[in-house]
Amino acid sequence: MNKATLDMINVGENCYIIDIFLEKEIKRRLAELGFLEKSLVKCVLEGPFKEPRAYRIKDTTIALRKEITKNILVERI
């Protein structure tokens, strides 16, 4: 198993969410956006200073900052 945090995924790379280690409210909001265990995520775009980064999950693209993505454990594909 090739584990990493979401902030370590390269643009164009796919991964599956294993777990999210954030406050309950933030975790719930991410879940509403599709960030759930076993969801497929792809990093699709990176800001000029490597932040924020855009992630494609289901049919939605979401921009997230590193302070959030460093707390999302994923498995690289």
PDB file of N, CA and C in Angstrom:
ATOM      1  N   MET A   1       0.847  -1.174   0.000  1.00  0.00           N
ATOM      2  CA  MET A   1       0.000   0.000   0.000  1.00  0.00           C
ATOM      3  C   MET A   1       0.893   1.238   0.000  1.00  0.00           C
ATOM      4  N   ASN A   2       0.617   2.163  -0.896  1.00  0.00           N
ATOM      5  CA  ASN A   2       1.417   3.369  -1.046  1.00  0.00           C
ATOM      6  C   ASN A   2       0.668   4.552  -0.423  1.00  0.00           C
ATOM      7  N   LYS A   3       0.840   4.758   0.878  1.00  0.00           N
ATOM      8  CA  LYS A   3       0.109   5.797   1.599  1.00  0.00           C
ATOM      9  C   LYS A   3       0.840   7.135   1.525  1.00  0.00           C
ATOM     10  N   ALA A   4       0.063   8.206   1.560  1.00  0.00           N
ATOM     11  CA  ALA A   4       0.585   9.575   1.565  1.00  0.00           C
ATOM     12  C   ALA A   4      -0.531  10.468   2.088  1.00  0.00           C
ATOM     13  N   THR A   5      -0.257  11.744   2.194  1.00  0.00           N
ATOM     14  CA  THR A   5      -1.323  12.696   2.488  1.00  0.00           C
ATOM     15  C   THR A   5      -1.669  13.393   1.181  1.00  0.00           C
ATOM     16  N   LEU A   6      -2.859  13.926   1.095  1.00  0.00           N
ATOM     17  CA  LEU A   6      -3.356  14.491  -0.158  1.00  0.00           C
ATOM     18  C   LEU A   6      -2.462  15.614  -0.678  1.00  0.00           C
ATOM     19  N   ASP A   7      -1.819  16.361   0.201  1.00  0.00           N
ATOM     20  CA  ASP A   7      -0.929  17.437  -0.248  1.00  0.00           C
ATOM     21  C   ASP A   7       0.315  16.918  -0.962  1.00  0.00           C
ATOM     22  N   MET A   8       0.626  15.636  -0.818  1.00  0.00           N
ATOM     23  CA  MET A   8       1.811  15.041  -1.443  1.00  0.00           C
ATOM     24  C   MET A   8       1.536  14.474  -2.840  1.00  0.00           C
ATOM     25  N   ILE A   9       0.276  14.447  -3.246  1.00  0.00           N
ATOM     26  CA  ILE A   9      -0.104  13.906  -4.549  1.00  0.00           C
ATOM     27  C   ILE A   9       0.267  14.914  -5.646  1.00  0.00           C
ATOM     28  N   ASN A  10       0.849  14.420  -6.715  1.00  0.00           N
ATOM     29  CA  ASN A  10       1.243  15.280  -7.833  1.00  0.00           C
ATOM     30  C   ASN A  10       0.056  15.606  -8.733  1.00  0.00           C
ATOM     31  N   VAL A  11       0.160  16.716  -9.449  1.00  0.00           N
ATOM     32  CA  VAL A  11      -0.877  17.071 -10.424  1.00  0.00           C
ATOM     33  C   VAL A  11      -0.974  15.944 -11.452  1.00  0.00           C
ATOM     34  N   GLY A  12      -2.191  15.496 -11.722  1.00  0.00           N
ATOM     35  CA  GLY A  12      -2.426  14.404 -12.656  1.00  0.00           C
ATOM     36  C   GLY A  12      -2.481  13.034 -12.001  1.00  0.00           C
ATOM     37  N   GLU A  13      -2.147  12.947 -10.735  1.00  0.00           N
ATOM     38  CA  GLU A  13      -2.120  11.673 -10.023  1.00  0.00           C
ATOM     39  C   GLU A  13      -3.471  11.388  -9.362  1.00  0.00           C
ATOM     40  N   ASN A  14      -3.853  10.117  -9.341  1.00  0.00           N
ATOM     41  CA  ASN A  14      -5.092   9.662  -8.704  1.00  0.00           C
ATOM     42  C   ASN A  14      -4.784   8.978  -7.382  1.00  0.00           C
ATOM     43  N   CYS A  15      -5.758   9.016  -6.475  1.00  0.00           N
ATOM     44  CA  CYS A  15      -5.612   8.328  -5.203  1.00  0.00           C
ATOM     45  C   CYS A  15      -6.995   8.046  -4.620  1.00  0.00           C
ATOM     46  N   TYR A  16      -7.015   7.195  -3.607  1.00  0.00           N
ATOM     47  CA  TYR A  16      -8.243   6.903  -2.864  1.00  0.00           C
ATOM     48  C   TYR A  16      -8.093   7.445  -1.451  1.00  0.00           C
ATOM     49  N   ILE A  17      -9.150   8.017  -0.916  1.00  0.00           N
ATOM     50  CA  ILE A  17      -9.135   8.518   0.450  1.00  0.00           C
ATOM     51  C   ILE A  17      -9.202   7.340   1.418  1.00  0.00           C
ATOM     52  N   ILE A  18      -8.303   7.354   2.404  1.00  0.00           N
ATOM     53  CA  ILE A  18      -8.297   6.332   3.448  1.00  0.00           C
ATOM     54  C   ILE A  18      -8.970   6.874   4.705  1.00  0.00           C
ATOM     55  N   ASP A  19      -8.576   8.082   5.117  1.00  0.00           N
ATOM     56  CA  ASP A  19      -9.140   8.670   6.336  1.00  0.00           C
ATOM     57  C   ASP A  19      -8.910  10.175   6.331  1.00  0.00           C
ATOM     58  N   ILE A  20      -9.699  10.891   7.105  1.00  0.00           N
ATOM     59  CA  ILE A  20      -9.584  12.341   7.219  1.00  0.00           C
ATOM     60  C   ILE A  20      -9.447  12.681   8.691  1.00  0.00           C
ATOM     61  N   PHE A  21      -8.370  13.405   9.031  1.00  0.00           N
ATOM     62  CA  PHE A  21      -8.065  13.755  10.411  1.00  0.00           C
ATOM     63  C   PHE A  21      -8.244  15.262  10.620  1.00  0.00           C
ATOM     64  N   LEU A  22      -9.491  15.694  10.651  1.00  0.00           N
ATOM     65  CA  LEU A  22      -9.827  17.106  10.816  1.00  0.00           C
ATOM     66  C   LEU A  22     -10.962  17.254  11.813  1.00  0.00           C
ATOM     67  N   GLU A  23     -11.211  18.491  12.214  1.00  0.00           N
ATOM     68  CA  GLU A  23     -12.315  18.765  13.126  1.00  0.00           C
ATOM     69  C   GLU A  23     -13.625  18.276  12.520  1.00  0.00           C
ATOM     70  N   LYS A  24     -14.539  17.919  13.380  1.00  0.00           N
ATOM     71  CA  LYS A  24     -15.818  17.338  12.973  1.00  0.00           C
ATOM     72  C   LYS A  24     -16.552  18.193  11.930  1.00  0.00           C
ATOM     73  N   GLU A  25     -16.593  19.493  12.126  1.00  0.00           N
ATOM     74  CA  GLU A  25     -17.321  20.379  11.210  1.00  0.00           C
ATOM     75  C   GLU A  25     -16.684  20.425   9.822  1.00  0.00           C
ATOM     76  N   ILE A  26     -15.357  20.492   9.791  1.00  0.00           N
ATOM     77  CA  ILE A  26     -14.653  20.522   8.501  1.00  0.00           C
ATOM     78  C   ILE A  26     -14.806  19.181   7.805  1.00  0.00           C
ATOM     79  N   LYS A  27     -14.684  18.111   8.566  1.00  0.00           N
ATOM     80  CA  LYS A  27     -14.827  16.760   8.014  1.00  0.00           C
ATOM     81  C   LYS A  27     -16.233  16.566   7.424  1.00  0.00           C
ATOM     82  N   ARG A  28     -17.240  17.071   8.121  1.00  0.00           N
ATOM     83  CA  ARG A  28     -18.617  16.965   7.627  1.00  0.00           C
ATOM     84  C   ARG A  28     -18.787  17.745   6.325  1.00  0.00           C
ATOM     85  N   ARG A  29     -18.219  18.944   6.253  1.00  0.00           N
ATOM     86  CA  ARG A  29     -18.320  19.766   5.042  1.00  0.00           C
ATOM     87  C   ARG A  29     -17.620  19.075   3.870  1.00  0.00           C
ATOM     88  N   LEU A  30     -16.457  18.507   4.115  1.00  0.00           N
ATOM     89  CA  LEU A  30     -15.756  17.772   3.060  1.00  0.00           C
ATOM     90  C   LEU A  30     -16.571  16.568   2.607  1.00  0.00           C
ATOM     91  N   ALA A  31     -17.214  15.892   3.539  1.00  0.00           N
ATOM     92  CA  ALA A  31     -18.063  14.743   3.205  1.00  0.00           C
ATOM     93  C   ALA A  31     -19.208  15.175   2.295  1.00  0.00           C
ATOM     94  N   GLU A  32     -19.781  16.344   2.572  1.00  0.00           N
ATOM     95  CA  GLU A  32     -20.856  16.869   1.717  1.00  0.00           C
ATOM     96  C   GLU A  32     -20.373  17.118   0.298  1.00  0.00           C
ATOM     97  N   LEU A  33     -19.075  17.410   0.144  1.00  0.00           N
ATOM     98  CA  LEU A  33     -18.483  17.665  -1.171  1.00  0.00           C
ATOM     99  C   LEU A  33     -18.010  16.378  -1.851  1.00  0.00           C
ATOM    100  N   GLY A  34     -18.112  15.244  -1.141  1.00  0.00           N
ATOM    101  CA  GLY A  34     -17.735  13.961  -1.729  1.00  0.00           C
ATOM    102  C   GLY A  34     -16.452  13.366  -1.193  1.00  0.00           C
ATOM    103  N   PHE A  35     -15.798  14.039  -0.252  1.00  0.00           N
ATOM    104  CA  PHE A  35     -14.566  13.523   0.336  1.00  0.00           C
ATOM    105  C   PHE A  35     -14.910  12.514   1.412  1.00  0.00           C
ATOM    106  N   LEU A  36     -15.080  11.267   0.974  1.00  0.00           N
ATOM    107  CA  LEU A  36     -15.445  10.154   1.853  1.00  0.00           C
ATOM    108  C   LEU A  36     -14.428   9.041   1.694  1.00  0.00           C
ATOM    109  N   GLU A  37     -14.349   8.163   2.681  1.00  0.00           N
ATOM    110  CA  GLU A  37     -13.462   7.014   2.609  1.00  0.00           C
ATOM    111  C   GLU A  37     -13.730   6.221   1.332  1.00  0.00           C
ATOM    112  N   LYS A  38     -12.676   5.835   0.658  1.00  0.00           N
ATOM    113  CA  LYS A  38     -12.679   5.059  -0.585  1.00  0.00           C
ATOM    114  C   LYS A  38     -13.060   5.870  -1.823  1.00  0.00           C
ATOM    115  N   SER A  39     -13.246   7.189  -1.686  1.00  0.00           N
ATOM    116  CA  SER A  39     -13.550   8.030  -2.849  1.00  0.00           C
ATOM    117  C   SER A  39     -12.287   8.233  -3.675  1.00  0.00           C
ATOM    118  N   LEU A  40     -12.446   8.226  -4.982  1.00  0.00           N
ATOM    119  CA  LEU A  40     -11.342   8.470  -5.915  1.00  0.00           C
ATOM    120  C   LEU A  40     -11.157   9.974  -6.073  1.00  0.00           C
ATOM    121  N   VAL A  41      -9.908  10.434  -5.919  1.00  0.00           N
ATOM    122  CA  VAL A  41      -9.575  11.857  -6.024  1.00  0.00           C
ATOM    123  C   VAL A  41      -8.420  12.015  -7.004  1.00  0.00           C
ATOM    124  N   LYS A  42      -8.475  13.077  -7.811  1.00  0.00           N
ATOM    125  CA  LYS A  42      -7.382  13.386  -8.733  1.00  0.00           C
ATOM    126  C   LYS A  42      -6.967  14.839  -8.527  1.00  0.00           C
ATOM    127  N   CYS A  43      -5.675  15.070  -8.391  1.00  0.00           N
ATOM    128  CA  CYS A  43      -5.159  16.432  -8.319  1.00  0.00           C
ATOM    129  C   CYS A  43      -5.103  16.953  -9.753  1.00  0.00           C
ATOM    130  N   VAL A  44      -5.825  18.042 -10.034  1.00  0.00           N
ATOM    131  CA  VAL A  44      -5.933  18.516 -11.416  1.00  0.00           C
ATOM    132  C   VAL A  44      -5.251  19.852 -11.685  1.00  0.00           C
ATOM    133  N   LEU A  45      -4.952  20.628 -10.646  1.00  0.00           N
ATOM    134  CA  LEU A  45      -4.389  21.953 -10.873  1.00  0.00           C
ATOM    135  C   LEU A  45      -3.683  22.436  -9.617  1.00  0.00           C
ATOM    136  N   GLU A  46      -2.630  23.224  -9.845  1.00  0.00           N
ATOM    137  CA  GLU A  46      -1.868  23.754  -8.723  1.00  0.00           C
ATOM    138  C   GLU A  46      -1.724  25.260  -8.896  1.00  0.00           C
ATOM    139  N   GLY A  47      -1.907  26.010  -7.804  1.00  0.00           N
ATOM    140  CA  GLY A  47      -1.768  27.458  -7.840  1.00  0.00           C
ATOM    141  C   GLY A  47      -0.321  27.864  -8.084  1.00  0.00           C
ATOM    142  N   PRO A  48      -0.075  29.147  -8.326  1.00  0.00           N
ATOM    143  CA  PRO A  48       1.269  29.630  -8.673  1.00  0.00           C
ATOM    144  C   PRO A  48       2.325  29.383  -7.595  1.00  0.00           C
ATOM    145  N   PHE A  49       1.940  29.320  -6.344  1.00  0.00           N
ATOM    146  CA  PHE A  49       2.887  29.045  -5.265  1.00  0.00           C
ATOM    147  C   PHE A  49       2.600  27.696  -4.627  1.00  0.00           C
ATOM    148  N   LYS A  50       2.122  26.774  -5.469  1.00  0.00           N
ATOM    149  CA  LYS A  50       1.752  25.404  -5.075  1.00  0.00           C
ATOM    150  C   LYS A  50       0.548  25.363  -4.142  1.00  0.00           C
ATOM    151  N   GLU A  51      -0.163  26.492  -4.047  1.00  0.00           N
ATOM    152  CA  GLU A  51      -1.344  26.562  -3.209  1.00  0.00           C
ATOM    153  C   GLU A  51      -2.294  27.611  -3.736  1.00  0.00           C
ATOM    154  N   PRO A  52      -3.582  27.435  -3.709  1.00  0.00           N
ATOM    155  CA  PRO A  52      -4.256  26.174  -3.391  1.00  0.00           C
ATOM    156  C   PRO A  52      -4.087  25.189  -4.543  1.00  0.00           C
ATOM    157  N   ARG A  53      -4.543  23.992  -4.324  1.00  0.00           N
ATOM    158  CA  ARG A  53      -4.553  22.971  -5.362  1.00  0.00           C
ATOM    159  C   ARG A  53      -6.002  22.570  -5.602  1.00  0.00           C
ATOM    160  N   ALA A  54      -6.289  22.211  -6.843  1.00  0.00           N
ATOM    161  CA  ALA A  54      -7.647  21.791  -7.201  1.00  0.00           C
ATOM    162  C   ALA A  54      -7.678  20.270  -7.330  1.00  0.00           C
ATOM    163  N   TYR A  55      -8.721  19.688  -6.763  1.00  0.00           N
ATOM    164  CA  TYR A  55      -8.897  18.233  -6.769  1.00  0.00           C
ATOM    165  C   TYR A  55     -10.238  17.894  -7.386  1.00  0.00           C
ATOM    166  N   ARG A  56     -10.231  16.882  -8.238  1.00  0.00           N
ATOM    167  CA  ARG A  56     -11.456  16.406  -8.887  1.00  0.00           C
ATOM    168  C   ARG A  56     -11.945  15.199  -8.106  1.00  0.00           C
ATOM    169  N   ILE A  57     -13.181  15.286  -7.636  1.00  0.00           N
ATOM    170  CA  ILE A  57     -13.799  14.183  -6.909  1.00  0.00           C
ATOM    171  C   ILE A  57     -15.232  14.062  -7.411  1.00  0.00           C
ATOM    172  N   LYS A  58     -15.566  12.881  -7.874  1.00  0.00           N
ATOM    173  CA  LYS A  58     -16.857  12.645  -8.538  1.00  0.00           C
ATOM    174  C   LYS A  58     -16.963  13.606  -9.717  1.00  0.00           C
ATOM    175  N   ASP A  59     -17.963  14.444  -9.792  1.00  0.00           N
ATOM    176  CA  ASP A  59     -18.104  15.378 -10.906  1.00  0.00           C
ATOM    177  C   ASP A  59     -17.853  16.817 -10.483  1.00  0.00           C
ATOM    178  N   THR A  60     -17.046  16.992  -9.437  1.00  0.00           N
ATOM    179  CA  THR A  60     -16.813  18.318  -8.875  1.00  0.00           C
ATOM    180  C   THR A  60     -15.323  18.586  -8.752  1.00  0.00           C
ATOM    181  N   THR A  61     -14.931  19.828  -8.956  1.00  0.00           N
ATOM    182  CA  THR A  61     -13.552  20.251  -8.725  1.00  0.00           C
ATOM    183  C   THR A  61     -13.551  21.197  -7.527  1.00  0.00           C
ATOM    184  N   ILE A  62     -12.700  20.890  -6.548  1.00  0.00           N
ATOM    185  CA  ILE A  62     -12.639  21.632  -5.300  1.00  0.00           C
ATOM    186  C   ILE A  62     -11.210  22.123  -5.083  1.00  0.00           C
ATOM    187  N   ALA A  63     -11.052  23.394  -4.737  1.00  0.00           N
ATOM    188  CA  ALA A  63      -9.728  23.940  -4.392  1.00  0.00           C
ATOM    189  C   ALA A  63      -9.566  23.881  -2.879  1.00  0.00           C
ATOM    190  N   LEU A  64      -8.434  23.322  -2.445  1.00  0.00           N
ATOM    191  CA  LEU A  64      -8.152  23.196  -1.017  1.00  0.00           C
ATOM    192  C   LEU A  64      -6.733  23.657  -0.708  1.00  0.00           C
ATOM    193  N   ARG A  65      -6.557  24.209   0.457  1.00  0.00           N
ATOM    194  CA  ARG A  65      -5.233  24.635   0.914  1.00  0.00           C
ATOM    195  C   ARG A  65      -4.531  23.482   1.634  1.00  0.00           C
ATOM    196  N   LYS A  66      -3.213  23.614   1.732  1.00  0.00           N
ATOM    197  CA  LYS A  66      -2.390  22.569   2.336  1.00  0.00           C
ATOM    198  C   LYS A  66      -2.784  22.291   3.790  1.00  0.00           C
ATOM    199  N   GLU A  67      -3.231  23.302   4.521  1.00  0.00           N
ATOM    200  CA  GLU A  67      -3.612  23.093   5.927  1.00  0.00           C
ATOM    201  C   GLU A  67      -4.728  22.065   6.058  1.00  0.00           C
ATOM    202  N   ILE A  68      -5.519  21.897   5.000  1.00  0.00           N
ATOM    203  CA  ILE A  68      -6.574  20.879   4.978  1.00  0.00           C
ATOM    204  C   ILE A  68      -6.025  19.569   4.419  1.00  0.00           C
ATOM    205  N   THR A  69      -5.373  19.629   3.261  1.00  0.00           N
ATOM    206  CA  THR A  69      -4.965  18.404   2.558  1.00  0.00           C
ATOM    207  C   THR A  69      -3.888  17.608   3.283  1.00  0.00           C
ATOM    208  N   LYS A  70      -3.118  18.249   4.151  1.00  0.00           N
ATOM    209  CA  LYS A  70      -2.091  17.498   4.889  1.00  0.00           C
ATOM    210  C   LYS A  70      -2.708  16.597   5.959  1.00  0.00           C
ATOM    211  N   ASN A  71      -4.012  16.746   6.174  1.00  0.00           N
ATOM    212  CA  ASN A  71      -4.726  15.931   7.156  1.00  0.00           C
ATOM    213  C   ASN A  71      -5.641  14.884   6.517  1.00  0.00           C
ATOM    214  N   ILE A  72      -5.464  14.664   5.221  1.00  0.00           N
ATOM    215  CA  ILE A  72      -6.266  13.660   4.511  1.00  0.00           C
ATOM    216  C   ILE A  72      -5.323  12.547   4.049  1.00  0.00           C
ATOM    217  N   LEU A  73      -5.475  11.385   4.634  1.00  0.00           N
ATOM    218  CA  LEU A  73      -4.636  10.223   4.308  1.00  0.00           C
ATOM    219  C   LEU A  73      -5.202   9.541   3.067  1.00  0.00           C
ATOM    220  N   VAL A  74      -4.321   9.271   2.106  1.00  0.00           N
ATOM    221  CA  VAL A  74      -4.753   8.651   0.849  1.00  0.00           C
ATOM    222  C   VAL A  74      -3.850   7.489   0.473  1.00  0.00           C
ATOM    223  N   GLU A  75      -4.319   6.712  -0.480  1.00  0.00           N
ATOM    224  CA  GLU A  75      -3.525   5.639  -1.075  1.00  0.00           C
ATOM    225  C   GLU A  75      -3.339   5.970  -2.541  1.00  0.00           C
ATOM    226  N   ARG A  76      -2.084   6.083  -2.967  1.00  0.00           N
ATOM    227  CA  ARG A  76      -1.791   6.357  -4.383  1.00  0.00           C
ATOM    228  C   ARG A  76      -2.162   5.153  -5.229  1.00  0.00           C
ATOM    229  N   ILE A  77      -2.570   5.437  -6.451  1.00  0.00           N
ATOM    230  CA  ILE A  77      -2.912   4.366  -7.388  1.00  0.00           C
ATOM    231  C   ILE A  77      -1.717   4.131  -8.298  1.00  0.00           C
TER     232      ILE A  77
END
